[in-house]
Amino acid sequence: MNQYLSIITELVAGLVFLFIIIQILGKTQFSQLTPFDFISALILGELVGNAAYDDEIKLYHIAIATVTWGILIYLLEMITQKFKGMRKFLEGEPHIVIHKGKIKFKVLKKIKLDLNQLKSLIRQQGYFSIQEVEYAIMETNGVISVLPKSEYDLPKRNDLNLPSNPVILPVTLMIDGEVVYDNLKEAGVDEKWLNNQLASQGITNYKDVLYAEWSSDNNLFVNKY
């Protein structure tokens, strides 16, 4: 029983340590995963995972190893920010894989990307033919950025000489049957207004609402369970 309790304690503590380290390092560890970030994430996980099942490793060992690794990654992040020459070495660099509508085969070969993978990545950007693409760039996090040919690009308001409209971010007012009170204030409405809006849609219980969003036209979009 003590062995199981020790494993649970070490896993919980490891989770807390990892969470703190990730918060310090920033969300780019996952949202913009470079090869170096991927290695650091694996090692952080291995430090906790292996330590939890090794009886000779105590809780303070996990803390020391995790914090030390976190400090090393933090220092490397600082180095890449201050010394531009190190960014290419540690984070890689973008590669143009399609240039003026032509596939750069040598670049594909260099970054170990085959044509099927290239087509798949382009389709994920909404373009189902390479003929539609003028430029494509493989970013350091593995995502491809596409600049389509002019005949396949979407028209913008300026292209159609239409007047611009203010852009207002929709505000989430309810999630999983609960009111987000801070967002009510941000939207400039109160709970009475919310209740009236819900009642107009036949909803009298918050628990019936999966998601509710306020938009600039003062209307409430509601998605029920």
C-alpha atoms as a PDB file:
ATOM      1  CA  MET A   1       0.000   0.000   0.000  1.00  0.00           C
ATOM      2  CA  ASN A   2       2.841   2.386   0.854  1.00  0.00           C
ATOM      3  CA  GLN A   3       4.406   1.670  -2.532  1.00  0.00           C
ATOM      4  CA  TYR A   4       1.190   2.599  -4.358  1.00  0.00           C
ATOM      5  CA  LEU A   5       0.824   5.745  -2.255  1.00  0.00           C
ATOM      6  CA  SER A   6       4.419   6.695  -3.063  1.00  0.00           C
ATOM      7  CA  ILE A   7       3.786   6.301  -6.808  1.00  0.00           C
ATOM      8  CA  ILE A   8       0.619   8.401  -6.629  1.00  0.00           C
ATOM      9  CA  THR A   9       2.389  11.102  -4.614  1.00  0.00           C
ATOM     10  CA  GLU A  10       5.320  11.269  -7.025  1.00  0.00           C
ATOM     11  CA  LEU A  11       3.048  11.417 -10.084  1.00  0.00           C
ATOM     12  CA  VAL A  12       0.934  14.207  -8.598  1.00  0.00           C
ATOM     13  CA  ALA A  13       4.059  16.129  -7.549  1.00  0.00           C
ATOM     14  CA  GLY A  14       5.580  15.577 -11.000  1.00  0.00           C
ATOM     15  CA  LEU A  15       2.439  16.915 -12.629  1.00  0.00           C
ATOM     16  CA  VAL A  16       2.615  20.040 -10.472  1.00  0.00           C
ATOM     17  CA  PHE A  17       6.315  20.541 -11.267  1.00  0.00           C
ATOM     18  CA  LEU A  18       5.724  20.092 -15.006  1.00  0.00           C
ATOM     19  CA  PHE A  19       2.773  22.495 -14.954  1.00  0.00           C
ATOM     20  CA  ILE A  20       4.874  25.170 -13.232  1.00  0.00           C
ATOM     21  CA  ILE A  21       7.765  24.684 -15.655  1.00  0.00           C
ATOM     22  CA  ILE A  22       5.447  24.898 -18.688  1.00  0.00           C
ATOM     23  CA  GLN A  23       3.865  28.090 -17.354  1.00  0.00           C
ATOM     24  CA  ILE A  24       7.325  29.634 -16.906  1.00  0.00           C
ATOM     25  CA  LEU A  25       8.582  28.540 -20.323  1.00  0.00           C
ATOM     26  CA  GLY A  26       5.420  29.694 -22.098  1.00  0.00           C
ATOM     27  CA  LYS A  27       2.729  28.048 -24.213  1.00  0.00           C
ATOM     28  CA  THR A  28       4.953  27.882 -27.283  1.00  0.00           C
ATOM     29  CA  GLN A  29       6.175  24.580 -25.892  1.00  0.00           C
ATOM     30  CA  PHE A  30       3.011  23.048 -27.358  1.00  0.00           C
ATOM     31  CA  SER A  31       1.294  25.567 -29.595  1.00  0.00           C
ATOM     32  CA  GLN A  32       4.445  26.103 -31.712  1.00  0.00           C
ATOM     33  CA  LEU A  33       6.334  22.872 -31.215  1.00  0.00           C
ATOM     34  CA  THR A  34       9.790  22.979 -32.781  1.00  0.00           C
ATOM     35  CA  PRO A  35      12.041  19.877 -32.877  1.00  0.00           C
ATOM     36  CA  PHE A  36      13.970  21.177 -29.856  1.00  0.00           C
ATOM     37  CA  ASP A  37      10.740  21.853 -27.950  1.00  0.00           C
ATOM     38  CA  PHE A  38       9.576  18.324 -28.768  1.00  0.00           C
ATOM     39  CA  ILE A  39      12.767  16.875 -27.265  1.00  0.00           C
ATOM     40  CA  SER A  40      12.412  19.013 -24.133  1.00  0.00           C
ATOM     41  CA  ALA A  41       8.781  17.939 -23.665  1.00  0.00           C
ATOM     42  CA  LEU A  42       9.758  14.266 -24.020  1.00  0.00           C
ATOM     43  CA  ILE A  43      12.565  14.567 -21.483  1.00  0.00           C
ATOM     44  CA  LEU A  44      10.391  16.368 -18.961  1.00  0.00           C
ATOM     45  CA  GLY A  45       7.834  13.574 -19.270  1.00  0.00           C
ATOM     46  CA  GLU A  46      10.490  10.874 -18.989  1.00  0.00           C
ATOM     47  CA  LEU A  47      12.001  12.470 -15.884  1.00  0.00           C
ATOM     48  CA  VAL A  48       8.696  12.179 -14.059  1.00  0.00           C
ATOM     49  CA  GLY A  49       7.559   8.887 -15.595  1.00  0.00           C
ATOM     50  CA  ASN A  50      10.736   6.934 -14.883  1.00  0.00           C
ATOM     51  CA  ALA A  51      11.224   8.439 -11.445  1.00  0.00           C
ATOM     52  CA  ALA A  52       7.715   7.486 -10.324  1.00  0.00           C
ATOM     53  CA  TYR A  53       8.454   3.767 -10.712  1.00  0.00           C
ATOM     54  CA  ASP A  54      12.003   3.761  -9.350  1.00  0.00           C
ATOM     55  CA  ASP A  55      12.015   3.090  -5.605  1.00  0.00           C
ATOM     56  CA  GLU A  56      15.461   4.626  -5.171  1.00  0.00           C
ATOM     57  CA  ILE A  57      14.386   7.992  -6.540  1.00  0.00           C
ATOM     58  CA  LYS A  58      12.691  10.239  -4.022  1.00  0.00           C
ATOM     59  CA  LEU A  59      10.351  13.176  -4.467  1.00  0.00           C
ATOM     60  CA  TYR A  60      13.112  15.773  -4.085  1.00  0.00           C
ATOM     61  CA  HIS A  61      15.068  14.002  -6.850  1.00  0.00           C
ATOM     62  CA  ILE A  62      12.149  14.569  -9.224  1.00  0.00           C
ATOM     63  CA  ALA A  63      11.927  18.215  -8.169  1.00  0.00           C
ATOM     64  CA  ILE A  64      15.651  18.815  -8.675  1.00  0.00           C
ATOM     65  CA  ALA A  65      15.746  17.077 -12.078  1.00  0.00           C
ATOM     66  CA  THR A  66      12.627  18.820 -13.362  1.00  0.00           C
ATOM     67  CA  VAL A  67      13.667  22.277 -12.160  1.00  0.00           C
ATOM     68  CA  THR A  68      17.191  21.840 -13.522  1.00  0.00           C
ATOM     69  CA  TRP A  69      15.896  20.837 -16.943  1.00  0.00           C
ATOM     70  CA  GLY A  70      13.396  23.692 -16.873  1.00  0.00           C
ATOM     71  CA  ILE A  71      16.176  26.192 -16.092  1.00  0.00           C
ATOM     72  CA  LEU A  72      18.272  24.843 -18.978  1.00  0.00           C
ATOM     73  CA  ILE A  73      15.376  25.204 -21.417  1.00  0.00           C
ATOM     74  CA  TYR A  74      14.610  28.691 -20.095  1.00  0.00           C
ATOM     75  CA  LEU A  75      18.234  29.759 -20.588  1.00  0.00           C
ATOM     76  CA  LEU A  76      18.226  28.387 -24.134  1.00  0.00           C
ATOM     77  CA  GLU A  77      15.005  30.305 -24.854  1.00  0.00           C
ATOM     78  CA  MET A  78      16.730  33.485 -23.635  1.00  0.00           C
ATOM     79  CA  ILE A  79      19.742  32.727 -25.839  1.00  0.00           C
ATOM     80  CA  THR A  80      17.601  32.301 -28.954  1.00  0.00           C
ATOM     81  CA  GLN A  81      15.850  35.617 -28.219  1.00  0.00           C
ATOM     82  CA  LYS A  82      19.074  37.591 -27.725  1.00  0.00           C
ATOM     83  CA  PHE A  83      21.343  35.896 -30.274  1.00  0.00           C
ATOM     84  CA  LYS A  84      19.745  35.576 -33.698  1.00  0.00           C
ATOM     85  CA  GLY A  85      22.482  33.274 -34.949  1.00  0.00           C
ATOM     86  CA  MET A  86      21.425  30.582 -32.475  1.00  0.00           C
ATOM     87  CA  ARG A  87      17.777  30.524 -33.606  1.00  0.00           C
ATOM     88  CA  LYS A  88      18.527  28.623 -36.801  1.00  0.00           C
ATOM     89  CA  PHE A  89      20.559  26.022 -34.929  1.00  0.00           C
ATOM     90  CA  LEU A  90      18.120  25.463 -32.068  1.00  0.00           C
ATOM     91  CA  GLU A  91      14.730  26.179 -33.662  1.00  0.00           C
ATOM     92  CA  GLY A  92      15.362  25.505 -37.346  1.00  0.00           C
ATOM     93  CA  GLU A  93      14.243  27.792 -40.152  1.00  0.00           C
ATOM     94  CA  PRO A  94      11.283  28.025 -42.552  1.00  0.00           C
ATOM     95  CA  HIS A  95      11.691  26.467 -46.001  1.00  0.00           C
ATOM     96  CA  ILE A  96       9.976  27.541 -49.224  1.00  0.00           C
ATOM     97  CA  VAL A  97       8.654  24.300 -50.727  1.00  0.00           C
ATOM     98  CA  ILE A  98       6.646  25.894 -53.553  1.00  0.00           C
ATOM     99  CA  HIS A  99       8.074  28.979 -55.291  1.00  0.00           C
ATOM    100  CA  LYS A 100       6.061  30.806 -57.953  1.00  0.00           C
ATOM    101  CA  GLY A 101       3.903  27.725 -58.458  1.00  0.00           C
ATOM    102  CA  LYS A 102       6.845  25.337 -58.831  1.00  0.00           C
ATOM    103  CA  ILE A 103       7.617  22.567 -56.354  1.00  0.00           C
ATOM    104  CA  LYS A 104      11.142  22.817 -54.958  1.00  0.00           C
ATOM    105  CA  PHE A 105      12.093  19.145 -55.014  1.00  0.00           C
ATOM    106  CA  LYS A 106      15.559  19.701 -53.536  1.00  0.00           C
ATOM    107  CA  VAL A 107      14.020  21.479 -50.563  1.00  0.00           C
ATOM    108  CA  LEU A 108      11.508  18.663 -50.067  1.00  0.00           C
ATOM    109  CA  LYS A 109      14.347  16.168 -50.103  1.00  0.00           C
ATOM    110  CA  LYS A 110      16.332  18.261 -47.623  1.00  0.00           C
ATOM    111  CA  ILE A 111      13.517  18.435 -45.065  1.00  0.00           C
ATOM    112  CA  LYS A 112      12.431  14.802 -45.668  1.00  0.00           C
ATOM    113  CA  LEU A 113       8.967  15.696 -46.965  1.00  0.00           C
ATOM    114  CA  ASP A 114       7.394  13.638 -49.760  1.00  0.00           C
ATOM    115  CA  LEU A 115       4.763  14.816 -52.236  1.00  0.00           C
ATOM    116  CA  ASN A 116       1.884  13.018 -50.542  1.00  0.00           C
ATOM    117  CA  GLN A 117       2.686  14.731 -47.259  1.00  0.00           C
ATOM    118  CA  LEU A 118       2.986  18.079 -49.034  1.00  0.00           C
ATOM    119  CA  LYS A 119      -0.407  17.639 -50.699  1.00  0.00           C
ATOM    120  CA  SER A 120      -1.967  16.651 -47.373  1.00  0.00           C
ATOM    121  CA  LEU A 121      -0.603  19.746 -45.616  1.00  0.00           C
ATOM    122  CA  ILE A 122      -1.821  21.983 -48.449  1.00  0.00           C
ATOM    123  CA  ARG A 123      -5.301  20.427 -48.313  1.00  0.00           C
ATOM    124  CA  GLN A 124      -5.430  21.221 -44.596  1.00  0.00           C
ATOM    125  CA  GLN A 125      -5.051  24.883 -45.559  1.00  0.00           C
ATOM    126  CA  GLY A 126      -8.077  24.625 -47.850  1.00  0.00           C
ATOM    127  CA  TYR A 127      -6.365  24.177 -51.229  1.00  0.00           C
ATOM    128  CA  PHE A 128      -6.967  20.879 -52.980  1.00  0.00           C
ATOM    129  CA  SER A 129      -4.648  21.372 -55.934  1.00  0.00           C
ATOM    130  CA  ILE A 130      -0.987  22.393 -56.060  1.00  0.00           C
ATOM    131  CA  GLN A 131      -1.941  24.438 -59.151  1.00  0.00           C
ATOM    132  CA  GLU A 132      -3.756  26.850 -56.826  1.00  0.00           C
ATOM    133  CA  VAL A 133      -0.611  27.605 -54.811  1.00  0.00           C
ATOM    134  CA  GLU A 134       1.861  30.360 -55.664  1.00  0.00           C
ATOM    135  CA  TYR A 135       4.018  30.012 -52.539  1.00  0.00           C
ATOM    136  CA  ALA A 136       4.110  27.437 -49.738  1.00  0.00           C
ATOM    137  CA  ILE A 137       6.395  27.678 -46.730  1.00  0.00           C
ATOM    138  CA  MET A 138       7.142  24.893 -44.274  1.00  0.00           C
ATOM    139  CA  GLU A 139       7.328  26.543 -40.859  1.00  0.00           C
ATOM    140  CA  THR A 140       9.621  25.409 -38.052  1.00  0.00           C
ATOM    141  CA  ASN A 141       6.703  23.862 -36.129  1.00  0.00           C
ATOM    142  CA  GLY A 142       5.702  21.610 -39.042  1.00  0.00           C
ATOM    143  CA  VAL A 143       2.756  23.717 -40.226  1.00  0.00           C
ATOM    144  CA  ILE A 144       2.671  24.858 -43.842  1.00  0.00           C
ATOM    145  CA  SER A 145       1.701  28.424 -44.774  1.00  0.00           C
ATOM    146  CA  VAL A 146       0.109  28.900 -48.194  1.00  0.00           C
ATOM    147  CA  LEU A 147      -0.113  31.991 -50.400  1.00  0.00           C
ATOM    148  CA  PRO A 148      -2.517  31.126 -53.249  1.00  0.00           C
ATOM    149  CA  LYS A 149      -2.392  32.403 -56.799  1.00  0.00           C
ATOM    150  CA  SER A 150      -4.429  35.558 -57.279  1.00  0.00           C
ATOM    151  CA  GLU A 151      -7.180  33.792 -59.238  1.00  0.00           C
ATOM    152  CA  TYR A 152      -7.738  31.387 -56.345  1.00  0.00           C
ATOM    153  CA  ASP A 153      -7.489  33.911 -53.518  1.00  0.00           C
ATOM    154  CA  LEU A 154     -10.579  35.123 -51.688  1.00  0.00           C
ATOM    155  CA  PRO A 155     -11.608  38.716 -52.475  1.00  0.00           C
ATOM    156  CA  LYS A 156     -11.161  41.238 -49.677  1.00  0.00           C
ATOM    157  CA  ARG A 157     -13.390  44.187 -48.892  1.00  0.00           C
ATOM    158  CA  ASN A 158     -10.789  46.547 -50.361  1.00  0.00           C
ATOM    159  CA  ASP A 159     -10.843  44.573 -53.614  1.00  0.00           C
ATOM    160  CA  LEU A 160     -14.604  45.115 -53.873  1.00  0.00           C
ATOM    161  CA  ASN A 161     -14.402  48.760 -52.734  1.00  0.00           C
ATOM    162  CA  LEU A 162     -16.666  48.012 -49.775  1.00  0.00           C
ATOM    163  CA  PRO A 163     -16.566  50.156 -46.615  1.00  0.00           C
ATOM    164  CA  SER A 164     -14.811  48.575 -43.643  1.00  0.00           C
ATOM    165  CA  ASN A 165     -16.758  47.513 -40.566  1.00  0.00           C
ATOM    166  CA  PRO A 166     -15.466  47.515 -36.994  1.00  0.00           C
ATOM    167  CA  VAL A 167     -14.239  44.134 -35.817  1.00  0.00           C
ATOM    168  CA  ILE A 168     -15.696  43.114 -32.451  1.00  0.00           C
ATOM    169  CA  LEU A 169     -14.717  39.917 -30.686  1.00  0.00           C
ATOM    170  CA  PRO A 170     -17.668  37.722 -29.617  1.00  0.00           C
ATOM    171  CA  VAL A 171     -17.840  37.086 -25.870  1.00  0.00           C
ATOM    172  CA  THR A 172     -18.572  33.709 -24.282  1.00  0.00           C
ATOM    173  CA  LEU A 173     -21.255  34.129 -21.598  1.00  0.00           C
ATOM    174  CA  MET A 174     -21.991  30.508 -20.684  1.00  0.00           C
ATOM    175  CA  ILE A 175     -20.069  27.237 -20.782  1.00  0.00           C
ATOM    176  CA  ASP A 176     -21.330  23.852 -19.585  1.00  0.00           C
ATOM    177  CA  GLY A 177     -24.412  25.302 -17.911  1.00  0.00           C
ATOM    178  CA  GLU A 178     -22.509  27.959 -15.954  1.00  0.00           C
ATOM    179  CA  VAL A 179     -22.459  31.731 -16.393  1.00  0.00           C
ATOM    180  CA  VAL A 180     -19.096  33.425 -16.973  1.00  0.00           C
ATOM    181  CA  TYR A 181     -19.798  36.507 -14.869  1.00  0.00           C
ATOM    182  CA  ASP A 182     -16.586  38.349 -15.784  1.00  0.00           C
ATOM    183  CA  ASN A 183     -17.577  38.172 -19.440  1.00  0.00           C
ATOM    184  CA  LEU A 184     -21.065  39.529 -18.686  1.00  0.00           C
ATOM    185  CA  LYS A 185     -19.443  42.727 -17.459  1.00  0.00           C
ATOM    186  CA  GLU A 186     -17.112  42.841 -20.455  1.00  0.00           C
ATOM    187  CA  ALA A 187     -20.070  42.523 -22.821  1.00  0.00           C
ATOM    188  CA  GLY A 188     -21.870  45.362 -21.024  1.00  0.00           C
ATOM    189  CA  VAL A 189     -24.871  43.248 -20.039  1.00  0.00           C
ATOM    190  CA  ASP A 190     -26.150  41.803 -16.776  1.00  0.00           C
ATOM    191  CA  GLU A 191     -27.650  38.513 -15.623  1.00  0.00           C
ATOM    192  CA  LYS A 192     -31.195  39.868 -15.959  1.00  0.00           C
ATOM    193  CA  TRP A 193     -30.561  40.551 -19.651  1.00  0.00           C
ATOM    194  CA  LEU A 194     -29.119  37.071 -20.015  1.00  0.00           C
ATOM    195  CA  ASN A 195     -32.158  35.482 -18.375  1.00  0.00           C
ATOM    196  CA  ASN A 196     -34.495  37.438 -20.660  1.00  0.00           C
ATOM    197  CA  GLN A 197     -32.539  36.324 -23.721  1.00  0.00           C
ATOM    198  CA  LEU A 198     -32.636  32.703 -22.606  1.00  0.00           C
ATOM    199  CA  ALA A 199     -36.349  32.921 -21.814  1.00  0.00           C
ATOM    200  CA  SER A 200     -37.060  34.265 -25.296  1.00  0.00           C
ATOM    201  CA  GLN A 201     -35.540  31.028 -26.601  1.00  0.00           C
ATOM    202  CA  GLY A 202     -37.572  28.866 -24.228  1.00  0.00           C
ATOM    203  CA  ILE A 203     -34.740  28.206 -21.746  1.00  0.00           C
ATOM    204  CA  THR A 204     -35.401  28.583 -18.027  1.00  0.00           C
ATOM    205  CA  ASN A 205     -32.560  26.496 -16.583  1.00  0.00           C
ATOM    206  CA  TYR A 206     -28.858  27.266 -16.983  1.00  0.00           C
ATOM    207  CA  LYS A 207     -28.096  23.553 -16.960  1.00  0.00           C
ATOM    208  CA  ASP A 208     -29.814  23.240 -20.358  1.00  0.00           C
ATOM    209  CA  VAL A 209     -27.172  25.461 -21.978  1.00  0.00           C
ATOM    210  CA  LEU A 210     -23.995  23.927 -23.342  1.00  0.00           C
ATOM    211  CA  TYR A 211     -22.628  27.173 -24.790  1.00  0.00           C
ATOM    212  CA  ALA A 212     -23.815  30.767 -25.122  1.00  0.00           C
ATOM    213  CA  GLU A 213     -22.083  33.587 -26.968  1.00  0.00           C
ATOM    214  CA  TRP A 214     -22.834  37.297 -27.201  1.00  0.00           C
ATOM    215  CA  SER A 215     -22.159  39.150 -30.460  1.00  0.00           C
ATOM    216  CA  SER A 216     -21.944  42.830 -31.332  1.00  0.00           C
ATOM    217  CA  ASP A 217     -25.509  42.947 -32.633  1.00  0.00           C
ATOM    218  CA  ASN A 218     -26.626  42.340 -29.019  1.00  0.00           C
ATOM    219  CA  ASN A 219     -27.991  38.916 -29.906  1.00  0.00           C
ATOM    220  CA  LEU A 220     -27.287  35.765 -27.959  1.00  0.00           C
ATOM    221  CA  PHE A 221     -26.293  32.568 -29.720  1.00  0.00           C
ATOM    222  CA  VAL A 222     -27.236  29.543 -27.625  1.00  0.00           C
ATOM    223  CA  ASN A 223     -26.277  25.911 -28.122  1.00  0.00           C
ATOM    224  CA  LYS A 224     -28.295  23.588 -25.864  1.00  0.00           C
ATOM    225  CA  TYR A 225     -27.301  20.130 -24.722  1.00  0.00           C
END
